[in-house]
Amino acid sequence: MIARSTLWGTIQYGESFFLLSEREQRAVIAHERGHIHHKHAWIRFKWILTFREIRDWKGFLAMCEAQELEADRYAIDRGHTAGLISFLLRLSLHTKSDGYPTVRQRLEAIHVR
């Protein structure tokens, strides 16, 4: 884990966060603030509480992917494009994790703007 936002509006950092450059750290923080601003953790929690994610797992994962892109846009809109791109380029372009767009998809979304 590099960083994650919590239901209560805080950001938790993993050890890998401190290996990033200052510019990348600021972009990651802005991304996590985007999750907090849009209340993504609460939305996910509501899906889980109502068992909606069990009934519509693919929909849940699609929503999570959209939230990641929305958090990226939040960081970009606050001037962290270069730091976000630098951070994303550290990651594998083709790795796919459930609930996350690929790095390639995230980079393409940045350049579409």
PDB file of N, CA and C in Angstrom:
ATOM      1  N   MET A   1       0.836  -1.179   0.000  1.00  0.00           N
ATOM      2  CA  MET A   1       0.000   0.000   0.000  1.00  0.00           C
ATOM      3  C   MET A   1       0.882   1.245   0.000  1.00  0.00           C
ATOM      4  N   ILE A   2       0.511   2.169  -0.834  1.00  0.00           N
ATOM      5  CA  ILE A   2       1.215   3.453  -0.860  1.00  0.00           C
ATOM      6  C   ILE A   2       0.466   4.430   0.036  1.00  0.00           C
ATOM      7  N   ALA A   3      -0.839   4.573  -0.223  1.00  0.00           N
ATOM      8  CA  ALA A   3      -1.690   5.435   0.612  1.00  0.00           C
ATOM      9  C   ALA A   3      -3.140   5.044   0.367  1.00  0.00           C
ATOM     10  N   ARG A   4      -3.980   5.360   1.347  1.00  0.00           N
ATOM     11  CA  ARG A   4      -5.411   5.127   1.168  1.00  0.00           C
ATOM     12  C   ARG A   4      -6.172   6.099   2.063  1.00  0.00           C
ATOM     13  N   SER A   5      -7.379   6.417   1.620  1.00  0.00           N
ATOM     14  CA  SER A   5      -8.238   7.278   2.431  1.00  0.00           C
ATOM     15  C   SER A   5      -9.165   6.390   3.250  1.00  0.00           C
ATOM     16  N   THR A   6      -9.658   6.946   4.337  1.00  0.00           N
ATOM     17  CA  THR A   6     -10.504   6.178   5.247  1.00  0.00           C
ATOM     18  C   THR A   6     -11.917   6.753   5.272  1.00  0.00           C
ATOM     19  N   LEU A   7     -12.813   5.996   5.864  1.00  0.00           N
ATOM     20  CA  LEU A   7     -14.193   6.451   6.021  1.00  0.00           C
ATOM     21  C   LEU A   7     -14.269   7.753   6.804  1.00  0.00           C
ATOM     22  N   TRP A   8     -13.382   7.935   7.743  1.00  0.00           N
ATOM     23  CA  TRP A   8     -13.440   9.104   8.620  1.00  0.00           C
ATOM     24  C   TRP A   8     -12.632  10.280   8.098  1.00  0.00           C
ATOM     25  N   GLY A   9     -12.217  10.215   6.830  1.00  0.00           N
ATOM     26  CA  GLY A   9     -11.601  11.364   6.176  1.00  0.00           C
ATOM     27  C   GLY A   9     -10.136  11.598   6.461  1.00  0.00           C
ATOM     28  N   THR A  10      -9.440  10.534   6.799  1.00  0.00           N
ATOM     29  CA  THR A  10      -7.993  10.647   6.989  1.00  0.00           C
ATOM     30  C   THR A  10      -7.295   9.877   5.875  1.00  0.00           C
ATOM     31  N   ILE A  11      -6.000  10.089   5.786  1.00  0.00           N
ATOM     32  CA  ILE A  11      -5.185   9.377   4.808  1.00  0.00           C
ATOM     33  C   ILE A  11      -4.153   8.557   5.572  1.00  0.00           C
ATOM     34  N   GLN A  12      -4.072   7.287   5.234  1.00  0.00           N
ATOM     35  CA  GLN A  12      -3.071   6.404   5.825  1.00  0.00           C
ATOM     36  C   GLN A  12      -1.966   6.181   4.796  1.00  0.00           C
ATOM     37  N   TYR A  13      -0.735   6.136   5.264  1.00  0.00           N
ATOM     38  CA  TYR A  13       0.418   5.989   4.381  1.00  0.00           C
ATOM     39  C   TYR A  13       1.142   4.686   4.657  1.00  0.00           C
ATOM     40  N   GLY A  14       1.530   4.014   3.577  1.00  0.00           N
ATOM     41  CA  GLY A  14       2.374   2.839   3.691  1.00  0.00           C
ATOM     42  C   GLY A  14       3.828   3.247   3.565  1.00  0.00           C
ATOM     43  N   GLU A  15       4.714   2.323   3.839  1.00  0.00           N
ATOM     44  CA  GLU A  15       6.146   2.622   3.764  1.00  0.00           C
ATOM     45  C   GLU A  15       6.567   3.077   2.376  1.00  0.00           C
ATOM     46  N   SER A  16       5.938   2.543   1.338  1.00  0.00           N
ATOM     47  CA  SER A  16       6.303   2.897  -0.036  1.00  0.00           C
ATOM     48  C   SER A  16       6.061   4.375  -0.347  1.00  0.00           C
ATOM     49  N   PHE A  17       5.115   4.983   0.357  1.00  0.00           N
ATOM     50  CA  PHE A  17       4.823   6.400   0.132  1.00  0.00           C
ATOM     51  C   PHE A  17       6.079   7.247   0.332  1.00  0.00           C
ATOM     52  N   PHE A  18       6.872   6.901   1.323  1.00  0.00           N
ATOM     53  CA  PHE A  18       8.034   7.703   1.686  1.00  0.00           C
ATOM     54  C   PHE A  18       9.215   7.500   0.737  1.00  0.00           C
ATOM     55  N   LEU A  19       9.073   6.589  -0.217  1.00  0.00           N
ATOM     56  CA  LEU A  19      10.088   6.393  -1.255  1.00  0.00           C
ATOM     57  C   LEU A  19       9.814   7.271  -2.475  1.00  0.00           C
ATOM     58  N   LEU A  20       8.655   7.897  -2.509  1.00  0.00           N
ATOM     59  CA  LEU A  20       8.277   8.751  -3.633  1.00  0.00           C
ATOM     60  C   LEU A  20       8.948  10.116  -3.510  1.00  0.00           C
ATOM     61  N   SER A  21       9.083  10.790  -4.646  1.00  0.00           N
ATOM     62  CA  SER A  21       9.580  12.162  -4.613  1.00  0.00           C
ATOM     63  C   SER A  21       8.529  13.058  -3.960  1.00  0.00           C
ATOM     64  N   GLU A  22       8.931  14.231  -3.550  1.00  0.00           N
ATOM     65  CA  GLU A  22       7.996  15.164  -2.909  1.00  0.00           C
ATOM     66  C   GLU A  22       6.834  15.505  -3.858  1.00  0.00           C
ATOM     67  N   ARG A  23       7.135  15.692  -5.126  1.00  0.00           N
ATOM     68  CA  ARG A  23       6.109  16.006  -6.124  1.00  0.00           C
ATOM     69  C   ARG A  23       5.116  14.849  -6.253  1.00  0.00           C
ATOM     70  N   GLU A  24       5.619  13.625  -6.266  1.00  0.00           N
ATOM     71  CA  GLU A  24       4.751  12.449  -6.344  1.00  0.00           C
ATOM     72  C   GLU A  24       3.925  12.302  -5.070  1.00  0.00           C
ATOM     73  N   GLN A  25       4.542  12.559  -3.919  1.00  0.00           N
ATOM     74  CA  GLN A  25       3.796  12.495  -2.665  1.00  0.00           C
ATOM     75  C   GLN A  25       2.634  13.481  -2.666  1.00  0.00           C
ATOM     76  N   ARG A  26       2.878  14.699  -3.124  1.00  0.00           N
ATOM     77  CA  ARG A  26       1.808  15.703  -3.171  1.00  0.00           C
ATOM     78  C   ARG A  26       0.683  15.251  -4.102  1.00  0.00           C
ATOM     79  N   ALA A  27       1.029  14.613  -5.214  1.00  0.00           N
ATOM     80  CA  ALA A  27       0.010  14.127  -6.158  1.00  0.00           C
ATOM     81  C   ALA A  27      -0.799  12.990  -5.539  1.00  0.00           C
ATOM     82  N   VAL A  28      -0.130  12.088  -4.850  1.00  0.00           N
ATOM     83  CA  VAL A  28      -0.833  10.976  -4.197  1.00  0.00           C
ATOM     84  C   VAL A  28      -1.760  11.511  -3.110  1.00  0.00           C
ATOM     85  N   ILE A  29      -1.289  12.474  -2.337  1.00  0.00           N
ATOM     86  CA  ILE A  29      -2.137  13.077  -1.307  1.00  0.00           C
ATOM     87  C   ILE A  29      -3.348  13.744  -1.945  1.00  0.00           C
ATOM     88  N   ALA A  30      -3.138  14.476  -3.026  1.00  0.00           N
ATOM     89  CA  ALA A  30      -4.260  15.123  -3.709  1.00  0.00           C
ATOM     90  C   ALA A  30      -5.247  14.082  -4.234  1.00  0.00           C
ATOM     91  N   HIS A  31      -4.743  12.987  -4.764  1.00  0.00           N
ATOM     92  CA  HIS A  31      -5.606  11.895  -5.241  1.00  0.00           C
ATOM     93  C   HIS A  31      -6.446  11.362  -4.077  1.00  0.00           C
ATOM     94  N   GLU A  32      -5.815  11.098  -2.946  1.00  0.00           N
ATOM     95  CA  GLU A  32      -6.548  10.586  -1.786  1.00  0.00           C
ATOM     96  C   GLU A  32      -7.546  11.614  -1.259  1.00  0.00           C
ATOM     97  N   ARG A  33      -7.181  12.883  -1.307  1.00  0.00           N
ATOM     98  CA  ARG A  33      -8.135  13.936  -0.922  1.00  0.00           C
ATOM     99  C   ARG A  33      -9.332  13.944  -1.856  1.00  0.00           C
ATOM    100  N   GLY A  34      -9.093  13.588  -3.118  1.00  0.00           N
ATOM    101  CA  GLY A  34     -10.201  13.465  -4.065  1.00  0.00           C
ATOM    102  C   GLY A  34     -11.184  12.387  -3.631  1.00  0.00           C
ATOM    103  N   HIS A  35     -10.650  11.259  -3.170  1.00  0.00           N
ATOM    104  CA  HIS A  35     -11.524  10.199  -2.650  1.00  0.00           C
ATOM    105  C   HIS A  35     -12.340  10.720  -1.463  1.00  0.00           C
ATOM    106  N   ILE A  36     -11.688  11.464  -0.584  1.00  0.00           N
ATOM    107  CA  ILE A  36     -12.382  12.001   0.592  1.00  0.00           C
ATOM    108  C   ILE A  36     -13.434  13.019   0.164  1.00  0.00           C
ATOM    109  N   HIS A  37     -13.058  13.920  -0.722  1.00  0.00           N
ATOM    110  CA  HIS A  37     -13.983  14.958  -1.193  1.00  0.00           C
ATOM    111  C   HIS A  37     -15.258  14.351  -1.789  1.00  0.00           C
ATOM    112  N   HIS A  38     -15.086  13.307  -2.576  1.00  0.00           N
ATOM    113  CA  HIS A  38     -16.224  12.676  -3.254  1.00  0.00           C
ATOM    114  C   HIS A  38     -16.887  11.579  -2.421  1.00  0.00           C
ATOM    115  N   LYS A  39     -16.393  11.387  -1.192  1.00  0.00           N
ATOM    116  CA  LYS A  39     -16.975  10.410  -0.263  1.00  0.00           C
ATOM    117  C   LYS A  39     -16.988   8.984  -0.828  1.00  0.00           C
ATOM    118  N   HIS A  40     -15.939   8.639  -1.550  1.00  0.00           N
ATOM    119  CA  HIS A  40     -15.859   7.320  -2.183  1.00  0.00           C
ATOM    120  C   HIS A  40     -15.912   6.179  -1.174  1.00  0.00           C
ATOM    121  N   ALA A  41     -15.218   6.314  -0.059  1.00  0.00           N
ATOM    122  CA  ALA A  41     -15.213   5.227   0.935  1.00  0.00           C
ATOM    123  C   ALA A  41     -16.624   4.997   1.475  1.00  0.00           C
ATOM    124  N   TRP A  42     -17.367   6.077   1.694  1.00  0.00           N
ATOM    125  CA  TRP A  42     -18.744   5.939   2.191  1.00  0.00           C
ATOM    126  C   TRP A  42     -19.643   5.272   1.161  1.00  0.00           C
ATOM    127  N   ILE A  43     -19.443   5.626  -0.094  1.00  0.00           N
ATOM    128  CA  ILE A  43     -20.249   5.011  -1.162  1.00  0.00           C
ATOM    129  C   ILE A  43     -19.964   3.509  -1.220  1.00  0.00           C
ATOM    130  N   ARG A  44     -18.706   3.147  -1.164  1.00  0.00           N
ATOM    131  CA  ARG A  44     -18.336   1.722  -1.175  1.00  0.00           C
ATOM    132  C   ARG A  44     -18.897   1.008   0.056  1.00  0.00           C
ATOM    133  N   PHE A  45     -18.811   1.668   1.206  1.00  0.00           N
ATOM    134  CA  PHE A  45     -19.310   1.087   2.454  1.00  0.00           C
ATOM    135  C   PHE A  45     -20.817   0.820   2.370  1.00  0.00           C
ATOM    136  N   LYS A  46     -21.549   1.738   1.771  1.00  0.00           N
ATOM    137  CA  LYS A  46     -22.998   1.550   1.606  1.00  0.00           C
ATOM    138  C   LYS A  46     -23.289   0.341   0.715  1.00  0.00           C
ATOM    139  N   TRP A  47     -22.499   0.173  -0.345  1.00  0.00           N
ATOM    140  CA  TRP A  47     -22.669  -1.008  -1.204  1.00  0.00           C
ATOM    141  C   TRP A  47     -22.466  -2.280  -0.389  1.00  0.00           C
ATOM    142  N   ILE A  48     -21.456  -2.273   0.462  1.00  0.00           N
ATOM    143  CA  ILE A  48     -21.142  -3.458   1.260  1.00  0.00           C
ATOM    144  C   ILE A  48     -22.222  -3.709   2.312  1.00  0.00           C
ATOM    145  N   LEU A  49     -22.655  -2.652   2.992  1.00  0.00           N
ATOM    146  CA  LEU A  49     -23.687  -2.808   4.030  1.00  0.00           C
ATOM    147  C   LEU A  49     -24.997  -3.365   3.490  1.00  0.00           C
ATOM    148  N   THR A  50     -25.317  -3.014   2.257  1.00  0.00           N
ATOM    149  CA  THR A  50     -26.577  -3.457   1.658  1.00  0.00           C
ATOM    150  C   THR A  50     -26.404  -4.720   0.816  1.00  0.00           C
ATOM    151  N   PHE A  51     -25.213  -5.281   0.848  1.00  0.00           N
ATOM    152  CA  PHE A  51     -24.883  -6.490   0.065  1.00  0.00           C
ATOM    153  C   PHE A  51     -25.005  -6.265  -1.437  1.00  0.00           C
ATOM    154  N   ARG A  52     -25.050  -5.008  -1.840  1.00  0.00           N
ATOM    155  CA  ARG A  52     -25.152  -4.718  -3.271  1.00  0.00           C
ATOM    156  C   ARG A  52     -23.915  -5.199  -4.024  1.00  0.00           C
ATOM    157  N   GLU A  53     -22.731  -5.113  -3.389  1.00  0.00           N
ATOM    158  CA  GLU A  53     -21.513  -5.534  -4.086  1.00  0.00           C
ATOM    159  C   GLU A  53     -21.530  -7.029  -4.357  1.00  0.00           C
ATOM    160  N   ILE A  54     -22.239  -7.802  -3.521  1.00  0.00           N
ATOM    161  CA  ILE A  54     -22.359  -9.243  -3.753  1.00  0.00           C
ATOM    162  C   ILE A  54     -23.295  -9.502  -4.932  1.00  0.00           C
ATOM    163  N   ARG A  55     -24.395  -8.760  -4.971  1.00  0.00           N
ATOM    164  CA  ARG A  55     -25.374  -8.937  -6.053  1.00  0.00           C
ATOM    165  C   ARG A  55     -24.861  -8.423  -7.393  1.00  0.00           C
ATOM    166  N   ASP A  56     -23.969  -7.429  -7.354  1.00  0.00           N
ATOM    167  CA  ASP A  56     -23.481  -6.813  -8.587  1.00  0.00           C
ATOM    168  C   ASP A  56     -21.983  -6.550  -8.470  1.00  0.00           C
ATOM    169  N   TRP A  57     -21.216  -7.626  -8.379  1.00  0.00           N
ATOM    170  CA  TRP A  57     -19.764  -7.517  -8.192  1.00  0.00           C
ATOM    171  C   TRP A  57     -19.111  -6.743  -9.323  1.00  0.00           C
ATOM    172  N   LYS A  58     -19.500  -7.034 -10.557  1.00  0.00           N
ATOM    173  CA  LYS A  58     -18.906  -6.324 -11.704  1.00  0.00           C
ATOM    174  C   LYS A  58     -19.234  -4.839 -11.651  1.00  0.00           C
ATOM    175  N   GLY A  59     -20.457  -4.521 -11.259  1.00  0.00           N
ATOM    176  CA  GLY A  59     -20.850  -3.123 -11.116  1.00  0.00           C
ATOM    177  C   GLY A  59     -20.053  -2.424 -10.020  1.00  0.00           C
ATOM    178  N   PHE A  60     -19.818  -3.143  -8.925  1.00  0.00           N
ATOM    179  CA  PHE A  60     -19.029  -2.603  -7.826  1.00  0.00           C
ATOM    180  C   PHE A  60     -17.609  -2.291  -8.285  1.00  0.00           C
ATOM    181  N   LEU A  61     -16.998  -3.228  -8.998  1.00  0.00           N
ATOM    182  CA  LEU A  61     -15.634  -3.011  -9.485  1.00  0.00           C
ATOM    183  C   LEU A  61     -15.576  -1.864 -10.488  1.00  0.00           C
ATOM    184  N   ALA A  62     -16.581  -1.771 -11.347  1.00  0.00           N
ATOM    185  CA  ALA A  62     -16.637  -0.671 -12.321  1.00  0.00           C
ATOM    186  C   ALA A  62     -16.758   0.670 -11.596  1.00  0.00           C
ATOM    187  N   MET A  63     -17.572   0.710 -10.543  1.00  0.00           N
ATOM    188  CA  MET A  63     -17.711   1.933  -9.764  1.00  0.00           C
ATOM    189  C   MET A  63     -16.377   2.305  -9.117  1.00  0.00           C
ATOM    190  N   CYS A  64     -15.679   1.323  -8.569  1.00  0.00           N
ATOM    191  CA  CYS A  64     -14.384   1.579  -7.940  1.00  0.00           C
ATOM    192  C   CYS A  64     -13.387   2.129  -8.956  1.00  0.00           C
ATOM    193  N   GLU A  65     -13.378   1.559 -10.156  1.00  0.00           N
ATOM    194  CA  GLU A  65     -12.484   2.058 -11.207  1.00  0.00           C
ATOM    195  C   GLU A  65     -12.816   3.507 -11.556  1.00  0.00           C
ATOM    196  N   ALA A  66     -14.093   3.815 -11.687  1.00  0.00           N
ATOM    197  CA  ALA A  66     -14.517   5.184 -11.998  1.00  0.00           C
ATOM    198  C   ALA A  66     -14.108   6.134 -10.873  1.00  0.00           C
ATOM    199  N   GLN A  67     -14.182   5.665  -9.634  1.00  0.00           N
ATOM    200  CA  GLN A  67     -13.769   6.500  -8.507  1.00  0.00           C
ATOM    201  C   GLN A  67     -12.270   6.796  -8.557  1.00  0.00           C
ATOM    202  N   GLU A  68     -11.476   5.829  -8.971  1.00  0.00           N
ATOM    203  CA  GLU A  68     -10.034   6.062  -9.091  1.00  0.00           C
ATOM    204  C   GLU A  68      -9.753   7.153 -10.122  1.00  0.00           C
ATOM    205  N   LEU A  69     -10.440   7.085 -11.247  1.00  0.00           N
ATOM    206  CA  LEU A  69     -10.247   8.104 -12.280  1.00  0.00           C
ATOM    207  C   LEU A  69     -10.748   9.464 -11.799  1.00  0.00           C
ATOM    208  N   GLU A  70     -11.825   9.473 -11.037  1.00  0.00           N
ATOM    209  CA  GLU A  70     -12.348  10.730 -10.498  1.00  0.00           C
ATOM    210  C   GLU A  70     -11.357  11.334  -9.495  1.00  0.00           C
ATOM    211  N   ALA A  71     -10.732  10.504  -8.681  1.00  0.00           N
ATOM    212  CA  ALA A  71      -9.718  10.998  -7.737  1.00  0.00           C
ATOM    213  C   ALA A  71      -8.494  11.527  -8.489  1.00  0.00           C
ATOM    214  N   ASP A  72      -8.124  10.871  -9.588  1.00  0.00           N
ATOM    215  CA  ASP A  72      -7.042  11.394 -10.437  1.00  0.00           C
ATOM    216  C   ASP A  72      -7.403  12.775 -10.968  1.00  0.00           C
ATOM    217  N   ARG A  73      -8.638  12.924 -11.458  1.00  0.00           N
ATOM    218  CA  ARG A  73      -9.081  14.231 -11.996  1.00  0.00           C
ATOM    219  C   ARG A  73      -9.025  15.310 -10.915  1.00  0.00           C
ATOM    220  N   TYR A  74      -9.395  14.954  -9.703  1.00  0.00           N
ATOM    221  CA  TYR A  74      -9.336  15.889  -8.580  1.00  0.00           C
ATOM    222  C   TYR A  74      -7.891  16.384  -8.400  1.00  0.00           C
ATOM    223  N   ALA A  75      -6.937  15.463  -8.416  1.00  0.00           N
ATOM    224  CA  ALA A  75      -5.524  15.836  -8.263  1.00  0.00           C
ATOM    225  C   ALA A  75      -5.062  16.703  -9.434  1.00  0.00           C
ATOM    226  N   ILE A  76      -5.454  16.338 -10.631  1.00  0.00           N
ATOM    227  CA  ILE A  76      -5.066  17.093 -11.824  1.00  0.00           C
ATOM    228  C   ILE A  76      -5.623  18.508 -11.773  1.00  0.00           C
ATOM    229  N   ASP A  77      -6.885  18.626 -11.391  1.00  0.00           N
ATOM    230  CA  ASP A  77      -7.528  19.935 -11.319  1.00  0.00           C
ATOM    231  C   ASP A  77      -6.877  20.841 -10.281  1.00  0.00           C
ATOM    232  N   ARG A  78      -6.087  20.280  -9.403  1.00  0.00           N
ATOM    233  CA  ARG A  78      -5.391  21.044  -8.378  1.00  0.00           C
ATOM    234  C   ARG A  78      -3.902  21.192  -8.675  1.00  0.00           C
ATOM    235  N   GLY A  79      -3.542  20.927  -9.922  1.00  0.00           N
ATOM    236  CA  GLY A  79      -2.186  21.204 -10.382  1.00  0.00           C
ATOM    237  C   GLY A  79      -1.160  20.113 -10.176  1.00  0.00           C
ATOM    238  N   HIS A  80      -1.597  18.883 -10.002  1.00  0.00           N
ATOM    239  CA  HIS A  80      -0.665  17.790  -9.719  1.00  0.00           C
ATOM    240  C   HIS A  80      -0.485  16.828 -10.894  1.00  0.00           C
ATOM    241  N   THR A  81      -0.705  17.310 -12.096  1.00  0.00           N
ATOM    242  CA  THR A  81      -0.590  16.440 -13.280  1.00  0.00           C
ATOM    243  C   THR A  81       0.803  15.818 -13.389  1.00  0.00           C
ATOM    244  N   ALA A  82       1.833  16.636 -13.318  1.00  0.00           N
ATOM    245  CA  ALA A  82       3.210  16.126 -13.495  1.00  0.00           C
ATOM    246  C   ALA A  82       3.565  15.099 -12.415  1.00  0.00           C
ATOM    247  N   GLY A  83       3.201  15.375 -11.183  1.00  0.00           N
ATOM    248  CA  GLY A  83       3.490  14.439 -10.096  1.00  0.00           C
ATOM    249  C   GLY A  83       2.726  13.142 -10.247  1.00  0.00           C
ATOM    250  N   LEU A  84       1.461  13.237 -10.700  1.00  0.00           N
ATOM    251  CA  LEU A  84       0.650  12.034 -10.887  1.00  0.00           C
ATOM    252  C   LEU A  84       1.217  11.187 -12.023  1.00  0.00           C
ATOM    253  N   ILE A  85       1.587  11.821 -13.115  1.00  0.00           N
ATOM    254  CA  ILE A  85       2.173  11.079 -14.236  1.00  0.00           C
ATOM    255  C   ILE A  85       3.477  10.410 -13.796  1.00  0.00           C
ATOM    256  N   SER A  86       4.325  11.155 -13.103  1.00  0.00           N
ATOM    257  CA  SER A  86       5.592  10.604 -12.620  1.00  0.00           C
ATOM    258  C   SER A  86       5.342   9.396 -11.724  1.00  0.00           C
ATOM    259  N   PHE A  87       4.375   9.516 -10.822  1.00  0.00           N
ATOM    260  CA  PHE A  87       4.028   8.405  -9.938  1.00  0.00           C
ATOM    261  C   PHE A  87       3.534   7.201 -10.734  1.00  0.00           C
ATOM    262  N   LEU A  88       2.607   7.428 -11.659  1.00  0.00           N
ATOM    263  CA  LEU A  88       2.034   6.332 -12.434  1.00  0.00           C
ATOM    264  C   LEU A  88       3.086   5.623 -13.275  1.00  0.00           C
ATOM    265  N   LEU A  89       4.058   6.353 -13.775  1.00  0.00           N
ATOM    266  CA  LEU A  89       5.101   5.737 -14.600  1.00  0.00           C
ATOM    267  C   LEU A  89       6.007   4.806 -13.790  1.00  0.00           C
ATOM    268  N   ARG A  90       5.976   4.920 -12.477  1.00  0.00           N
ATOM    269  CA  ARG A  90       6.723   3.992 -11.622  1.00  0.00           C
ATOM    270  C   ARG A  90       6.048   2.613 -11.594  1.00  0.00           C
ATOM    271  N   LEU A  91       4.765   2.587 -11.906  1.00  0.00           N
ATOM    272  CA  LEU A  91       3.975   1.361 -11.822  1.00  0.00           C
ATOM    273  C   LEU A  91       3.988   0.635 -13.156  1.00  0.00           C
ATOM    274  N   SER A  92       3.662  -0.627 -13.152  1.00  0.00           N
ATOM    275  CA  SER A  92       3.584  -1.402 -14.385  1.00  0.00           C
ATOM    276  C   SER A  92       2.380  -0.947 -15.203  1.00  0.00           C
ATOM    277  N   LEU A  93       2.568  -0.752 -16.477  1.00  0.00           N
ATOM    278  CA  LEU A  93       1.497  -0.261 -17.346  1.00  0.00           C
ATOM    279  C   LEU A  93       0.377  -1.274 -17.538  1.00  0.00           C
ATOM    280  N   HIS A  94       0.666  -2.543 -17.368  1.00  0.00           N
ATOM    281  CA  HIS A  94      -0.312  -3.573 -17.716  1.00  0.00           C
ATOM    282  C   HIS A  94      -0.903  -4.306 -16.517  1.00  0.00           C
ATOM    283  N   THR A  95      -0.403  -4.029 -15.331  1.00  0.00           N
ATOM    284  CA  THR A  95      -0.927  -4.709 -14.151  1.00  0.00           C
ATOM    285  C   THR A  95      -2.376  -4.312 -13.938  1.00  0.00           C
ATOM    286  N   LYS A  96      -3.217  -5.285 -13.701  1.00  0.00           N
ATOM    287  CA  LYS A  96      -4.644  -5.047 -13.484  1.00  0.00           C
ATOM    288  C   LYS A  96      -5.019  -5.608 -12.134  1.00  0.00           C
ATOM    289  N   SER A  97      -5.547  -4.751 -11.278  1.00  0.00           N
ATOM    290  CA  SER A  97      -6.074  -5.169  -9.987  1.00  0.00           C
ATOM    291  C   SER A  97      -7.563  -4.894  -9.982  1.00  0.00           C
ATOM    292  N   ASP A  98      -8.336  -5.786  -9.388  1.00  0.00           N
ATOM    293  CA  ASP A  98      -9.775  -5.588  -9.307  1.00  0.00           C
ATOM    294  C   ASP A  98     -10.091  -4.245  -8.667  1.00  0.00           C
ATOM    295  N   GLY A  99     -10.954  -3.483  -9.316  1.00  0.00           N
ATOM    296  CA  GLY A  99     -11.385  -2.202  -8.781  1.00  0.00           C
ATOM    297  C   GLY A  99     -10.482  -1.036  -9.145  1.00  0.00           C
ATOM    298  N   TYR A 100      -9.443  -1.303  -9.916  1.00  0.00           N
ATOM    299  CA  TYR A 100      -8.524  -0.246 -10.332  1.00  0.00           C
ATOM    300  C   TYR A 100      -8.365  -0.277 -11.852  1.00  0.00           C
ATOM    301  N   PRO A 101      -8.382   0.896 -12.490  1.00  0.00           N
ATOM    302  CA  PRO A 101      -8.053   0.918 -13.918  1.00  0.00           C
ATOM    303  C   PRO A 101      -6.555   0.618 -14.073  1.00  0.00           C
ATOM    304  N   THR A 102      -6.159   0.166 -15.235  1.00  0.00           N
ATOM    305  CA  THR A 102      -4.731  -0.050 -15.463  1.00  0.00           C
ATOM    306  C   THR A 102      -4.030   1.305 -15.478  1.00  0.00           C
ATOM    307  N   VAL A 103      -2.736   1.275 -15.295  1.00  0.00           N
ATOM    308  CA  VAL A 103      -1.949   2.507 -15.354  1.00  0.00           C
ATOM    309  C   VAL A 103      -2.116   3.133 -16.736  1.00  0.00           C
ATOM    310  N   ARG A 104      -2.134   2.313 -17.758  1.00  0.00           N
ATOM    311  CA  ARG A 104      -2.318   2.830 -19.118  1.00  0.00           C
ATOM    312  C   ARG A 104      -3.646   3.582 -19.230  1.00  0.00           C
ATOM    313  N   GLN A 105      -4.707   3.010 -18.681  1.00  0.00           N
ATOM    314  CA  GLN A 105      -6.013   3.688 -18.712  1.00  0.00           C
ATOM    315  C   GLN A 105      -5.962   5.010 -17.958  1.00  0.00           C
ATOM    316  N   ARG A 106      -5.275   5.020 -16.840  1.00  0.00           N
ATOM    317  CA  ARG A 106      -5.170   6.252 -16.050  1.00  0.00           C
ATOM    318  C   ARG A 106      -4.370   7.305 -16.798  1.00  0.00           C
ATOM    319  N   LEU A 107      -3.276   6.904 -17.427  1.00  0.00           N
ATOM    320  CA  LEU A 107      -2.476   7.862 -18.204  1.00  0.00           C
ATOM    321  C   LEU A 107      -3.259   8.377 -19.407  1.00  0.00           C
ATOM    322  N   GLU A 108      -3.979   7.498 -20.074  1.00  0.00           N
ATOM    323  CA  GLU A 108      -4.798   7.928 -21.214  1.00  0.00           C
ATOM    324  C   GLU A 108      -5.879   8.908 -20.777  1.00  0.00           C
ATOM    325  N   ALA A 109      -6.477   8.697 -19.626  1.00  0.00           N
ATOM    326  CA  ALA A 109      -7.499   9.608 -19.112  1.00  0.00           C
ATOM    327  C   ALA A 109      -6.896  10.991 -18.812  1.00  0.00           C
ATOM    328  N   ILE A 110      -5.653  11.020 -18.361  1.00  0.00           N
ATOM    329  CA  ILE A 110      -4.984  12.301 -18.096  1.00  0.00           C
ATOM    330  C   ILE A 110      -4.786  13.052 -19.401  1.00  0.00           C
ATOM    331  N   HIS A 111      -4.351  12.349 -20.437  1.00  0.00           N
ATOM    332  CA  HIS A 111      -4.025  12.996 -21.706  1.00  0.00           C
ATOM    333  C   HIS A 111      -5.246  13.378 -22.521  1.00  0.00           C
ATOM    334  N   VAL A 112      -6.376  12.792 -22.210  1.00  0.00           N
ATOM    335  CA  VAL A 112      -7.621  13.120 -22.920  1.00  0.00           C
ATOM    336  C   VAL A 112      -8.094  14.505 -22.488  1.00  0.00           C
ATOM    337  N   ARG A 113      -7.785  14.870 -21.277  1.00  0.00           N
ATOM    338  CA  ARG A 113      -8.263  16.138 -20.713  1.00  0.00           C
ATOM    339  C   ARG A 113      -7.762  17.296 -21.458  1.00  0.00           C
TER     340      ARG A 113
END
